C-alpha atoms as a PDB file:
ATOM      1  CA  MET A   1       0.000   0.004  -0.006  1.00  0.00           C
ATOM      2  CA  PRO A   2       1.276   3.555  -0.776  1.00  0.00           C
ATOM      3  CA  SER A   3       2.562   5.455   2.277  1.00  0.00           C
ATOM      4  CA  ILE A   4       0.421   8.610   2.517  1.00  0.00           C
ATOM      5  CA  ARG A   5       1.345  11.288   4.993  1.00  0.00           C
ATOM      6  CA  ARG A   6      -1.460  13.414   6.328  1.00  0.00           C
ATOM      7  CA  VAL A   7      -0.692  17.156   6.323  1.00  0.00           C
ATOM      8  CA  VAL A   8      -3.131  19.413   8.177  1.00  0.00           C
ATOM      9  CA  ILE A   9      -2.742  23.138   7.568  1.00  0.00           C
ATOM     10  CA  ALA A  10      -4.494  25.606   9.876  1.00  0.00           C
ATOM     11  CA  VAL A  11      -6.280  28.411   8.124  1.00  0.00           C
ATOM     12  CA  PHE A  12      -8.003  31.515   9.509  1.00  0.00           C
ATOM     13  CA  PRO A  13      -9.176  34.915   8.257  1.00  0.00           C
ATOM     14  CA  ASP A  14      -6.427  37.004   6.654  1.00  0.00           C
ATOM     15  CA  VAL A  15      -3.927  34.179   6.653  1.00  0.00           C
ATOM     16  CA  ASP A  16      -1.000  34.770   4.238  1.00  0.00           C
ATOM     17  CA  LEU A  17      -2.024  32.973   1.085  1.00  0.00           C
ATOM     18  CA  LEU A  18       1.448  31.759  -0.009  1.00  0.00           C
ATOM     19  CA  ASP A  19       2.123  30.428   3.482  1.00  0.00           C
ATOM     20  CA  VAL A  20      -0.624  27.929   2.727  1.00  0.00           C
ATOM     21  CA  THR A  21      -0.421  27.331  -1.007  1.00  0.00           C
ATOM     22  CA  GLY A  22       3.388  27.291  -1.379  1.00  0.00           C
ATOM     23  CA  PRO A  23       3.935  24.202   0.816  1.00  0.00           C
ATOM     24  CA  ALA A  24       0.718  22.628  -0.575  1.00  0.00           C
ATOM     25  CA  GLU A  25       2.104  22.941  -4.096  1.00  0.00           C
ATOM     26  CA  VAL A  26       5.323  21.258  -3.092  1.00  0.00           C
ATOM     27  CA  PHE A  27       3.405  18.368  -1.598  1.00  0.00           C
ATOM     28  CA  ALA A  28       1.141  18.074  -4.681  1.00  0.00           C
ATOM     29  CA  LEU A  29       4.075  17.976  -7.053  1.00  0.00           C
ATOM     30  CA  THR A  30       5.715  15.320  -4.832  1.00  0.00           C
ATOM     31  CA  ASN A  31       2.607  13.135  -5.305  1.00  0.00           C
ATOM     32  CA  ARG A  32       2.906  13.613  -9.083  1.00  0.00           C
ATOM     33  CA  GLU A  33       6.651  12.818  -9.142  1.00  0.00           C
ATOM     34  CA  THR A  34       6.224   9.621  -7.120  1.00  0.00           C
ATOM     35  CA  GLY A  35       3.243   8.493  -9.194  1.00  0.00           C
ATOM     36  CA  GLY A  36       1.192   7.834  -6.092  1.00  0.00           C
ATOM     37  CA  ALA A  37       3.782   5.375  -4.634  1.00  0.00           C
ATOM     38  CA  ALA A  38       4.360   7.755  -1.725  1.00  0.00           C
ATOM     39  CA  GLY A  39       3.094  11.131  -0.973  1.00  0.00           C
ATOM     40  CA  TYR A  40       0.916  13.486   0.959  1.00  0.00           C
ATOM     41  CA  ARG A  41      -2.754  14.250   1.600  1.00  0.00           C
ATOM     42  CA  VAL A  42      -3.251  17.921   2.454  1.00  0.00           C
ATOM     43  CA  GLU A  43      -6.212  19.008   4.514  1.00  0.00           C
ATOM     44  CA  LEU A  44      -7.255  22.549   5.524  1.00  0.00           C
ATOM     45  CA  ALA A  45      -8.697  23.044   8.980  1.00  0.00           C
ATOM     46  CA  ALA A  46     -10.477  26.184  10.249  1.00  0.00           C
ATOM     47  CA  ARG A  47     -12.839  27.214  13.056  1.00  0.00           C
ATOM     48  CA  GLU A  48     -15.627  26.111  10.789  1.00  0.00           C
ATOM     49  CA  ARG A  49     -15.852  24.293   7.468  1.00  0.00           C
ATOM     50  CA  GLY A  50     -16.164  26.427   4.383  1.00  0.00           C
ATOM     51  CA  GLU A  51     -14.616  29.567   2.956  1.00  0.00           C
ATOM     52  CA  VAL A  52     -11.825  31.453   4.580  1.00  0.00           C
ATOM     53  CA  VAL A  53     -10.729  34.808   3.139  1.00  0.00           C
ATOM     54  CA  THR A  54      -6.958  35.193   2.952  1.00  0.00           C
ATOM     55  CA  SER A  55      -4.816  38.336   3.151  1.00  0.00           C
ATOM     56  CA  ALA A  56      -4.797  38.424  -0.666  1.00  0.00           C
ATOM     57  CA  GLY A  57      -8.604  38.525  -0.824  1.00  0.00           C
ATOM     58  CA  LEU A  58      -8.768  35.072  -2.369  1.00  0.00           C
ATOM     59  CA  ARG A  59     -10.794  32.371  -0.642  1.00  0.00           C
ATOM     60  CA  LEU A  60      -9.689  28.962   0.600  1.00  0.00           C
ATOM     61  CA  VAL A  61     -12.127  26.205   1.498  1.00  0.00           C
ATOM     62  CA  ALA A  62     -11.522  24.462   4.783  1.00  0.00           C
ATOM     63  CA  ASP A  63     -12.118  20.681   4.609  1.00  0.00           C
ATOM     64  CA  ARG A  64     -13.063  20.390   8.206  1.00  0.00           C
ATOM     65  CA  SER A  65     -13.453  22.387  11.409  1.00  0.00           C
ATOM     66  CA  PHE A  66     -10.814  22.358  14.151  1.00  0.00           C
ATOM     67  CA  ASP A  67     -13.139  20.195  16.234  1.00  0.00           C
ATOM     68  CA  GLU A  68     -13.355  17.644  13.419  1.00  0.00           C
ATOM     69  CA  VAL A  69      -9.601  17.054  13.211  1.00  0.00           C
ATOM     70  CA  ASP A  70      -9.001  13.684  14.825  1.00  0.00           C
ATOM     71  CA  GLY A  71      -6.802  10.671  14.189  1.00  0.00           C
ATOM     72  CA  VAL A  72      -3.124  10.674  13.339  1.00  0.00           C
ATOM     73  CA  VAL A  73      -1.637  13.921  11.964  1.00  0.00           C
ATOM     74  CA  ASP A  74       1.729  13.388  10.366  1.00  0.00           C
ATOM     75  CA  THR A  75       2.599  17.032   9.709  1.00  0.00           C
ATOM     76  CA  LEU A  76       0.827  19.996  11.293  1.00  0.00           C
ATOM     77  CA  LEU A  77       1.562  23.173   9.391  1.00  0.00           C
ATOM     78  CA  VAL A  78       0.865  26.635  10.856  1.00  0.00           C
ATOM     79  CA  PRO A  79       0.910  29.636   8.482  1.00  0.00           C
ATOM     80  CA  GLY A  80       0.964  33.254   9.658  1.00  0.00           C
ATOM     81  CA  ALA A  81      -0.959  36.512   9.500  1.00  0.00           C
ATOM     82  CA  VAL A  82      -0.253  40.086  10.428  1.00  0.00           C
ATOM     83  CA  ASP A  83      -2.292  42.998  11.724  1.00  0.00           C
ATOM     84  CA  ALA A  84      -1.697  46.726  11.419  1.00  0.00           C
ATOM     85  CA  GLY A  85      -0.220  48.172  14.607  1.00  0.00           C
ATOM     86  CA  PRO A  86       0.748  51.714  15.640  1.00  0.00           C
ATOM     87  CA  GLY A  87       4.414  51.009  14.793  1.00  0.00           C
ATOM     88  CA  GLY A  88       3.760  48.900  11.659  1.00  0.00           C
ATOM     89  CA  GLU A  89       2.638  45.336  11.061  1.00  0.00           C
ATOM     90  CA  VAL A  90       2.578  42.887  13.941  1.00  0.00           C
ATOM     91  CA  ALA A  91       2.170  39.113  13.905  1.00  0.00           C
ATOM     92  CA  ARG A  92      -1.378  38.007  14.756  1.00  0.00           C
ATOM     93  CA  VAL A  93      -1.832  35.658  17.669  1.00  0.00           C
ATOM     94  CA  ASP A  94      -5.386  34.255  17.569  1.00  0.00           C
ATOM     95  CA  GLY A  95      -6.464  32.737  20.898  1.00  0.00           C
ATOM     96  CA  ASP A  96      -8.773  30.145  19.259  1.00  0.00           C
ATOM     97  CA  VAL A  97      -6.047  28.942  16.952  1.00  0.00           C
ATOM     98  CA  VAL A  98      -3.561  28.816  19.749  1.00  0.00           C
ATOM     99  CA  ALA A  99      -5.905  26.721  21.923  1.00  0.00           C
ATOM    100  CA  TRP A 100      -6.443  24.259  19.056  1.00  0.00           C
ATOM    101  CA  LEU A 101      -2.725  24.010  18.344  1.00  0.00           C
ATOM    102  CA  ALA A 102      -2.027  23.296  21.969  1.00  0.00           C
ATOM    103  CA  ARG A 103      -4.281  20.292  21.731  1.00  0.00           C
ATOM    104  CA  VAL A 104      -3.335  18.963  18.270  1.00  0.00           C
ATOM    105  CA  ALA A 105       0.393  19.744  18.030  1.00  0.00           C
ATOM    106  CA  PRO A 106       1.923  17.536  20.763  1.00  0.00           C
ATOM    107  CA  PRO A 107       0.866  14.144  19.288  1.00  0.00           C
ATOM    108  CA  ALA A 108       1.754  15.136  15.671  1.00  0.00           C
ATOM    109  CA  ARG A 109       4.867  13.514  14.286  1.00  0.00           C
ATOM    110  CA  ARG A 110       6.125  16.862  12.973  1.00  0.00           C
ATOM    111  CA  VAL A 111       5.025  20.454  13.609  1.00  0.00           C
ATOM    112  CA  VAL A 112       5.930  23.202  11.126  1.00  0.00           C
ATOM    113  CA  SER A 113       5.365  26.966  11.100  1.00  0.00           C
ATOM    114  CA  VAL A 114       5.797  29.314   8.133  1.00  0.00           C
ATOM    115  CA  CYS A 115       6.549  33.010   8.577  1.00  0.00           C
ATOM    116  CA  THR A 116       4.708  34.549  11.563  1.00  0.00           C
ATOM    117  CA  GLY A 117       3.035  31.218  12.253  1.00  0.00           C
ATOM    118  CA  ALA A 118       5.836  30.767  14.721  1.00  0.00           C
ATOM    119  CA  HIS A 119       4.190  33.318  16.979  1.00  0.00           C
ATOM    120  CA  LEU A 120       1.099  31.072  17.204  1.00  0.00           C
ATOM    121  CA  LEU A 121       3.215  28.076  18.092  1.00  0.00           C
ATOM    122  CA  ALA A 122       5.169  30.098  20.591  1.00  0.00           C
ATOM    123  CA  ALA A 123       1.955  31.028  22.434  1.00  0.00           C
ATOM    124  CA  THR A 124       1.286  27.314  23.049  1.00  0.00           C
ATOM    125  CA  GLY A 125       4.619  26.883  24.798  1.00  0.00           C
ATOM    126  CA  LEU A 126       5.794  24.311  22.246  1.00  0.00           C
ATOM    127  CA  LEU A 127       8.753  26.424  21.243  1.00  0.00           C
ATOM    128  CA  ASP A 128      10.114  27.015  24.737  1.00  0.00           C
ATOM    129  CA  GLY A 129      13.835  26.279  24.896  1.00  0.00           C
ATOM    130  CA  ARG A 130      14.138  25.924  21.157  1.00  0.00           C
ATOM    131  CA  THR A 131      15.908  27.989  18.478  1.00  0.00           C
ATOM    132  CA  VAL A 132      13.409  29.208  15.859  1.00  0.00           C
ATOM    133  CA  ALA A 133      13.058  31.327  12.737  1.00  0.00           C
ATOM    134  CA  THR A 134      10.371  33.697  11.681  1.00  0.00           C
ATOM    135  CA  HIS A 135      10.059  36.529   9.184  1.00  0.00           C
ATOM    136  CA  TRP A 136      12.829  39.053   9.715  1.00  0.00           C
ATOM    137  CA  SER A 137      10.325  41.884  10.413  1.00  0.00           C
ATOM    138  CA  ALA A 138       8.741  39.959  13.284  1.00  0.00           C
ATOM    139  CA  THR A 139      11.894  38.608  15.058  1.00  0.00           C
ATOM    140  CA  ALA A 140      12.019  41.398  17.623  1.00  0.00           C
ATOM    141  CA  GLN A 141       8.331  40.916  18.470  1.00  0.00           C
ATOM    142  CA  LEU A 142       8.771  37.179  18.961  1.00  0.00           C
ATOM    143  CA  ALA A 143      11.917  37.584  21.034  1.00  0.00           C
ATOM    144  CA  ALA A 144      10.345  40.225  23.278  1.00  0.00           C
ATOM    145  CA  ALA A 145       7.127  38.272  23.806  1.00  0.00           C
ATOM    146  CA  HIS A 146       8.925  34.947  24.453  1.00  0.00           C
ATOM    147  CA  PRO A 147      12.345  35.337  26.119  1.00  0.00           C
ATOM    148  CA  GLU A 148      12.405  31.627  26.702  1.00  0.00           C
ATOM    149  CA  ILE A 149      12.839  31.140  22.914  1.00  0.00           C
ATOM    150  CA  THR A 150      16.063  31.742  20.979  1.00  0.00           C
ATOM    151  CA  VAL A 151      15.067  33.622  17.852  1.00  0.00           C
ATOM    152  CA  ASP A 152      17.561  33.447  14.963  1.00  0.00           C
ATOM    153  CA  PRO A 153      16.856  36.238  12.482  1.00  0.00           C
ATOM    154  CA  ASP A 154      19.111  34.881   9.773  1.00  0.00           C
ATOM    155  CA  PRO A 155      18.177  31.361   8.442  1.00  0.00           C
ATOM    156  CA  ILE A 156      15.618  30.482   5.854  1.00  0.00           C
ATOM    157  CA  PHE A 157      14.380  27.837   8.306  1.00  0.00           C
ATOM    158  CA  VAL A 158      15.445  26.073  11.490  1.00  0.00           C
ATOM    159  CA  ARG A 159      14.849  22.493  12.603  1.00  0.00           C
ATOM    160  CA  CYS A 160      14.825  21.776  16.338  1.00  0.00           C
ATOM    161  CA  GLY A 161      13.765  18.230  17.122  1.00  0.00           C
ATOM    162  CA  ASN A 162      10.411  17.539  15.412  1.00  0.00           C
ATOM    163  CA  VAL A 163       9.642  21.258  15.184  1.00  0.00           C
ATOM    164  CA  TRP A 164      10.494  23.184  12.015  1.00  0.00           C
ATOM    165  CA  THR A 165      10.068  26.948  11.759  1.00  0.00           C
ATOM    166  CA  GLY A 166      10.470  28.871   8.531  1.00  0.00           C
ATOM    167  CA  ALA A 167      11.216  32.510   7.712  1.00  0.00           C
ATOM    168  CA  GLY A 168       9.267  34.736   5.374  1.00  0.00           C
ATOM    169  CA  ILE A 169       6.444  33.532   3.123  1.00  0.00           C
ATOM    170  CA  SER A 170       8.203  32.061   0.021  1.00  0.00           C
ATOM    171  CA  SER A 171      10.719  30.303   2.215  1.00  0.00           C
ATOM    172  CA  GLY A 172       7.844  28.004   3.176  1.00  0.00           C
ATOM    173  CA  MET A 173       8.539  26.241  -0.142  1.00  0.00           C
ATOM    174  CA  ASP A 174      12.183  25.777   0.718  1.00  0.00           C
ATOM    175  CA  LEU A 175      11.076  24.321   4.032  1.00  0.00           C
ATOM    176  CA  ALA A 176       8.538  21.978   2.365  1.00  0.00           C
ATOM    177  CA  LEU A 177      11.239  20.712  -0.021  1.00  0.00           C
ATOM    178  CA  ALA A 178      13.371  19.913   3.048  1.00  0.00           C
ATOM    179  CA  LEU A 179      10.501  17.960   4.551  1.00  0.00           C
ATOM    180  CA  VAL A 180      10.117  16.008   1.288  1.00  0.00           C
ATOM    181  CA  ALA A 181      13.838  15.244   1.294  1.00  0.00           C
ATOM    182  CA  GLU A 182      13.646  13.971   4.829  1.00  0.00           C
ATOM    183  CA  ASP A 183      10.654  11.813   4.079  1.00  0.00           C
ATOM    184  CA  LEU A 184      11.411  10.514   0.586  1.00  0.00           C
ATOM    185  CA  GLY A 185      15.064  11.360  -0.143  1.00  0.00           C
ATOM    186  CA  GLU A 186      17.126  13.932  -1.975  1.00  0.00           C
ATOM    187  CA  GLU A 187      16.332  12.622  -5.502  1.00  0.00           C
ATOM    188  CA  VAL A 188      12.579  13.157  -5.032  1.00  0.00           C
ATOM    189  CA  ALA A 189      13.164  16.565  -3.555  1.00  0.00           C
ATOM    190  CA  LEU A 190      15.451  17.488  -6.454  1.00  0.00           C
ATOM    191  CA  ALA A 191      12.850  16.410  -9.018  1.00  0.00           C
ATOM    192  CA  VAL A 192      10.191  18.486  -7.311  1.00  0.00           C
ATOM    193  CA  ALA A 193      12.553  21.512  -7.101  1.00  0.00           C
ATOM    194  CA  ARG A 194      13.153  21.229 -10.819  1.00  0.00           C
ATOM    195  CA  GLN A 195       9.417  21.302 -11.478  1.00  0.00           C
ATOM    196  CA  LEU A 196       9.117  24.416  -9.372  1.00  0.00           C
ATOM    197  CA  VAL A 197      12.176  25.997 -11.051  1.00  0.00           C
ATOM    198  CA  MET A 198      13.762  26.250  -7.584  1.00  0.00           C
ATOM    199  CA  TYR A 199      17.108  25.328  -6.209  1.00  0.00           C
ATOM    200  CA  LEU A 200      17.126  22.172  -4.138  1.00  0.00           C
ATOM    201  CA  LYS A 201      16.229  22.829  -0.509  1.00  0.00           C
ATOM    202  CA  ARG A 202      18.334  25.263   1.451  1.00  0.00           C
ATOM    203  CA  GLN A 203      19.048  23.534   4.752  1.00  0.00           C
ATOM    204  CA  GLY A 204      19.369  26.674   6.826  1.00  0.00           C
ATOM    205  CA  GLY A 205      22.408  28.875   6.975  1.00  0.00           C
ATOM    206  CA  GLN A 206      21.472  31.057   4.026  1.00  0.00           C
ATOM    207  CA  SER A 207      20.500  34.535   5.028  1.00  0.00           C
ATOM    208  CA  GLN A 208      16.931  35.798   4.484  1.00  0.00           C
ATOM    209  CA  PHE A 209      18.285  38.890   2.779  1.00  0.00           C
ATOM    210  CA  SER A 210      21.523  40.609   1.885  1.00  0.00           C
ATOM    211  CA  VAL A 211      23.593  42.595   4.487  1.00  0.00           C
ATOM    212  CA  PRO A 212      22.869  46.034   3.013  1.00  0.00           C
ATOM    213  CA  LEU A 213      19.097  45.306   3.050  1.00  0.00           C
ATOM    214  CA  SER A 214      19.210  43.964   6.602  1.00  0.00           C
ATOM    215  CA  ARG A 215      19.441  47.505   7.973  1.00  0.00           C
ATOM    216  CA  PRO A 216      17.069  50.378   7.354  1.00  0.00           C
ATOM    217  CA  PRO A 217      18.383  53.413   5.488  1.00  0.00           C
ATOM    218  CA  ALA A 218      20.563  55.607   7.731  1.00  0.00           C
ATOM    219  CA  THR A 219      19.478  59.073   8.699  1.00  0.00           C
ATOM    220  CA  ARG A 220      22.818  60.290   7.396  1.00  0.00           C
ATOM    221  CA  ARG A 221      23.281  60.145   3.662  1.00  0.00           C
ATOM    222  CA  ASP A 222      27.048  59.900   4.019  1.00  0.00           C
ATOM    223  CA  ILE A 223      26.735  56.633   6.011  1.00  0.00           C
ATOM    224  CA  ASP A 224      24.444  55.148   3.370  1.00  0.00           C
ATOM    225  CA  ASP A 225      26.959  56.148   0.688  1.00  0.00           C
ATOM    226  CA  LEU A 226      29.761  54.538   2.739  1.00  0.00           C
ATOM    227  CA  ARG A 227      27.780  51.263   3.022  1.00  0.00           C
ATOM    228  CA  MET A 228      27.481  51.136  -0.778  1.00  0.00           C
ATOM    229  CA  PHE A 229      31.194  51.996  -1.064  1.00  0.00           C
ATOM    230  CA  ILE A 230      32.038  49.007   1.103  1.00  0.00           C
ATOM    231  CA  VAL A 231      29.973  46.661  -1.064  1.00  0.00           C
ATOM    232  CA  ASP A 232      31.748  47.909  -4.183  1.00  0.00           C
ATOM    233  CA  HIS A 233      35.290  47.853  -2.822  1.00  0.00           C
ATOM    234  CA  LEU A 234      35.648  44.678  -0.826  1.00  0.00           C
ATOM    235  CA  GLY A 235      39.334  44.259  -1.830  1.00  0.00           C
ATOM    236  CA  ASP A 236      40.242  47.699  -0.503  1.00  0.00           C
ATOM    237  CA  ASP A 237      41.485  48.613   2.933  1.00  0.00           C
ATOM    238  CA  LEU A 238      38.214  48.821   4.855  1.00  0.00           C
ATOM    239  CA  SER A 239      39.673  49.103   8.308  1.00  0.00           C
ATOM    240  CA  THR A 240      37.996  51.485  10.767  1.00  0.00           C
ATOM    241  CA  THR A 241      40.998  53.758  10.339  1.00  0.00           C
ATOM    242  CA  ALA A 242      40.648  53.857   6.579  1.00  0.00           C
ATOM    243  CA  LEU A 243      36.850  54.328   6.675  1.00  0.00           C
ATOM    244  CA  ALA A 244      37.071  57.087   9.220  1.00  0.00           C
ATOM    245  CA  ALA A 245      39.661  58.927   7.066  1.00  0.00           C
ATOM    246  CA  ARG A 246      37.307  58.578   4.066  1.00  0.00           C
ATOM    247  CA  MET A 247      34.597  60.184   6.133  1.00  0.00           C
ATOM    248  CA  CYS A 248      36.992  62.845   7.482  1.00  0.00           C
ATOM    249  CA  LEU A 249      36.110  61.922  11.066  1.00  0.00           C
ATOM    250  CA  SER A 250      38.173  60.763  14.001  1.00  0.00           C
ATOM    251  CA  GLU A 251      38.098  56.956  14.463  1.00  0.00           C
ATOM    252  CA  ARG A 252      36.272  57.269  17.777  1.00  0.00           C
ATOM    253  CA  HIS A 253      33.573  59.622  16.434  1.00  0.00           C
ATOM    254  CA  PHE A 254      33.184  57.614  13.214  1.00  0.00           C
ATOM    255  CA  ALA A 255      32.772  54.341  15.151  1.00  0.00           C
ATOM    256  CA  ARG A 256      30.127  55.932  17.374  1.00  0.00           C
ATOM    257  CA  VAL A 257      28.236  57.396  14.421  1.00  0.00           C
ATOM    258  CA  PHE A 258      28.378  54.202  12.409  1.00  0.00           C
ATOM    259  CA  ARG A 259      27.061  52.078  15.274  1.00  0.00           C
ATOM    260  CA  GLN A 260      24.337  54.636  15.934  1.00  0.00           C
ATOM    261  CA  GLU A 261      23.234  54.521  12.264  1.00  0.00           C
ATOM    262  CA  THR A 262      23.616  50.792  11.535  1.00  0.00           C
ATOM    263  CA  GLY A 263      23.426  49.050  14.878  1.00  0.00           C
ATOM    264  CA  THR A 264      26.770  47.395  14.491  1.00  0.00           C
ATOM    265  CA  THR A 265      30.509  48.246  14.419  1.00  0.00           C
ATOM    266  CA  PRO A 266      32.319  49.122  11.203  1.00  0.00           C
ATOM    267  CA  GLY A 267      34.490  46.011  11.555  1.00  0.00           C
ATOM    268  CA  ALA A 268      31.511  43.646  12.025  1.00  0.00           C
ATOM    269  CA  TYR A 269      29.641  45.230   9.108  1.00  0.00           C
ATOM    270  CA  VAL A 270      32.575  44.901   6.743  1.00  0.00           C
ATOM    271  CA  GLU A 271      33.080  41.243   7.790  1.00  0.00           C
ATOM    272  CA  ALA A 272      29.376  40.497   7.228  1.00  0.00           C
ATOM    273  CA  VAL A 273      29.429  41.997   3.738  1.00  0.00           C
ATOM    274  CA  ARG A 274      32.618  40.126   2.863  1.00  0.00           C
ATOM    275  CA  VAL A 275      31.178  36.824   4.099  1.00  0.00           C
ATOM    276  CA  GLU A 276      28.047  37.405   2.071  1.00  0.00           C
ATOM    277  CA  ALA A 277      30.154  37.988  -1.106  1.00  0.00           C
ATOM    278  CA  ALA A 278      32.125  34.819  -0.319  1.00  0.00           C
ATOM    279  CA  ARG A 279      28.940  32.840   0.020  1.00  0.00           C
ATOM    280  CA  ARG A 280      27.777  34.004  -3.406  1.00  0.00           C
ATOM    281  CA  LEU A 281      31.095  32.944  -4.957  1.00  0.00           C
ATOM    282  CA  LEU A 282      31.011  29.582  -3.222  1.00  0.00           C
ATOM    283  CA  GLU A 283      27.469  28.963  -4.493  1.00  0.00           C
ATOM    284  CA  GLY A 284      27.901  30.154  -8.021  1.00  0.00           C
ATOM    285  CA  THR A 285      31.493  29.809  -9.158  1.00  0.00           C
ATOM    286  CA  ASP A 286      34.313  27.267  -9.387  1.00  0.00           C
ATOM    287  CA  GLN A 287      36.902  29.689  -7.914  1.00  0.00           C
ATOM    288  CA  SER A 288      39.383  28.198  -5.492  1.00  0.00           C
ATOM    289  CA  LEU A 289      39.193  29.114  -1.877  1.00  0.00           C
ATOM    290  CA  GLU A 290      42.258  31.288  -2.326  1.00  0.00           C
ATOM    291  CA  GLN A 291      40.493  33.170  -5.118  1.00  0.00           C
ATOM    292  CA  VAL A 292      37.311  33.551  -3.132  1.00  0.00           C
ATOM    293  CA  ALA A 293      39.190  34.871  -0.086  1.00  0.00           C
ATOM    294  CA  GLY A 294      41.084  37.399  -2.294  1.00  0.00           C
ATOM    295  CA  ALA A 295      38.040  38.590  -4.205  1.00  0.00           C
ATOM    296  CA  CYS A 296      36.105  39.255  -0.958  1.00  0.00           C
ATOM    297  CA  GLY A 297      38.922  41.035   0.784  1.00  0.00           C
ATOM    298  CA  LEU A 298      39.243  38.309   3.432  1.00  0.00           C
ATOM    299  CA  GLY A 299      42.915  37.894   2.416  1.00  0.00           C
ATOM    300  CA  SER A 300      43.581  34.247   3.261  1.00  0.00           C
ATOM    301  CA  VAL A 301      41.846  30.896   3.238  1.00  0.00           C
ATOM    302  CA  GLU A 302      42.407  30.771   7.028  1.00  0.00           C
ATOM    303  CA  THR A 303      40.534  34.063   7.430  1.00  0.00           C
ATOM    304  CA  LEU A 304      37.772  32.796   5.127  1.00  0.00           C
ATOM    305  CA  HIS A 305      37.373  29.671   7.243  1.00  0.00           C
ATOM    306  CA  ARG A 306      37.311  31.609  10.447  1.00  0.00           C
ATOM    307  CA  ALA A 307      34.795  34.192   9.214  1.00  0.00           C
ATOM    308  CA  LEU A 308      32.444  31.645   7.678  1.00  0.00           C
ATOM    309  CA  ARG A 309      32.491  29.441  10.773  1.00  0.00           C
ATOM    310  CA  LYS A 310      31.761  32.490  12.913  1.00  0.00           C
ATOM    311  CA  ARG A 311      28.866  33.828  10.835  1.00  0.00           C
ATOM    312  CA  VAL A 312      27.369  30.742   9.158  1.00  0.00           C
ATOM    313  CA  GLY A 313      28.581  27.917  11.365  1.00  0.00           C
ATOM    314  CA  THR A 314      30.215  25.835   8.639  1.00  0.00           C
ATOM    315  CA  THR A 315      33.343  25.615   6.519  1.00  0.00           C
ATOM    316  CA  PRO A 316      33.721  26.963   3.006  1.00  0.00           C
ATOM    317  CA  GLY A 317      33.940  23.463   1.530  1.00  0.00           C
ATOM    318  CA  ALA A 318      30.819  22.213   3.385  1.00  0.00           C
ATOM    319  CA  TYR A 319      28.904  25.373   2.374  1.00  0.00           C
ATOM    320  CA  ARG A 320      29.814  24.963  -1.284  1.00  0.00           C
ATOM    321  CA  ARG A 321      28.774  21.297  -1.325  1.00  0.00           C
ATOM    322  CA  ARG A 322      25.409  22.141   0.240  1.00  0.00           C
ATOM    323  CA  PHE A 323      24.491  25.291  -1.718  1.00  0.00           C
ATOM    324  CA  ARG A 324      26.353  24.894  -5.006  1.00  0.00           C
ATOM    325  CA  MET A 325      24.303  26.234  -7.930  1.00  0.00           C
ATOM    326  CA  THR A 326      26.569  25.466 -10.849  1.00  0.00           C
ATOM    327  CA  ALA A 327      26.737  22.188 -12.708  1.00  0.00           C
END
């Protein structure tokens, strides 16, 4: 008999559409690729059966109500939603959904959140003591509301035991591909990724966004200009001394202004940008480690190893094997 895994996705008003449909499409294509030999049955559950209006205005149809979900759930998937707050959008935490998750999640073989769905899981206590991911814009909210959770703002997704948490919206498809690879193997996941015109699953470690985009625009135009200069001149002398001289400021004053505007030190910022450039070269070129280190301004293979271990938690060789994009 074919092995069918039951996936239950919680839906509720204003849920982010792609949080639901992205992973569902991955599971549907997996069924097609395996010819029914192994696959997934996806069900939508809501407070009540019937239509649920998503954030995009399109309607989903829930197969069953929360109260009607019984039996074995292989994978429980929790998408997210946001509300407008006085300081911008905030992750929605719906009490009814939280109460249902607290009942259904513990016996499930695997629990998954996409985007701000992590905030719903956190409210159940299921994430206590775990390291988790969520959308970059909601990491501060999650960390402040749940200090017992370690929130990592960088990865596409994080696995901690049988709990998987994904970052923003489209990364739910990366996460779903990783689930398929765990269940059915890399070859099936690769076949599905090709159908989706995606790279094979990114197993964490890849940043949600580039370093320059990870900080809001500075209030000082000269600091923003300097950040772009750093990106364009990675092989130059980018020491604090050199950058302060370029800004015509004392080192002490420059370091204070830079931290105030970017939230980090000049040295840490330069290292982050250089590591990001190194990651792109490791992913997309056949350059030697010496060439990569030189092109990114890291100087030596030893420095490249040290910087990548510090910021990504892996070696250049292991990173290239995992995320290589070239044939």
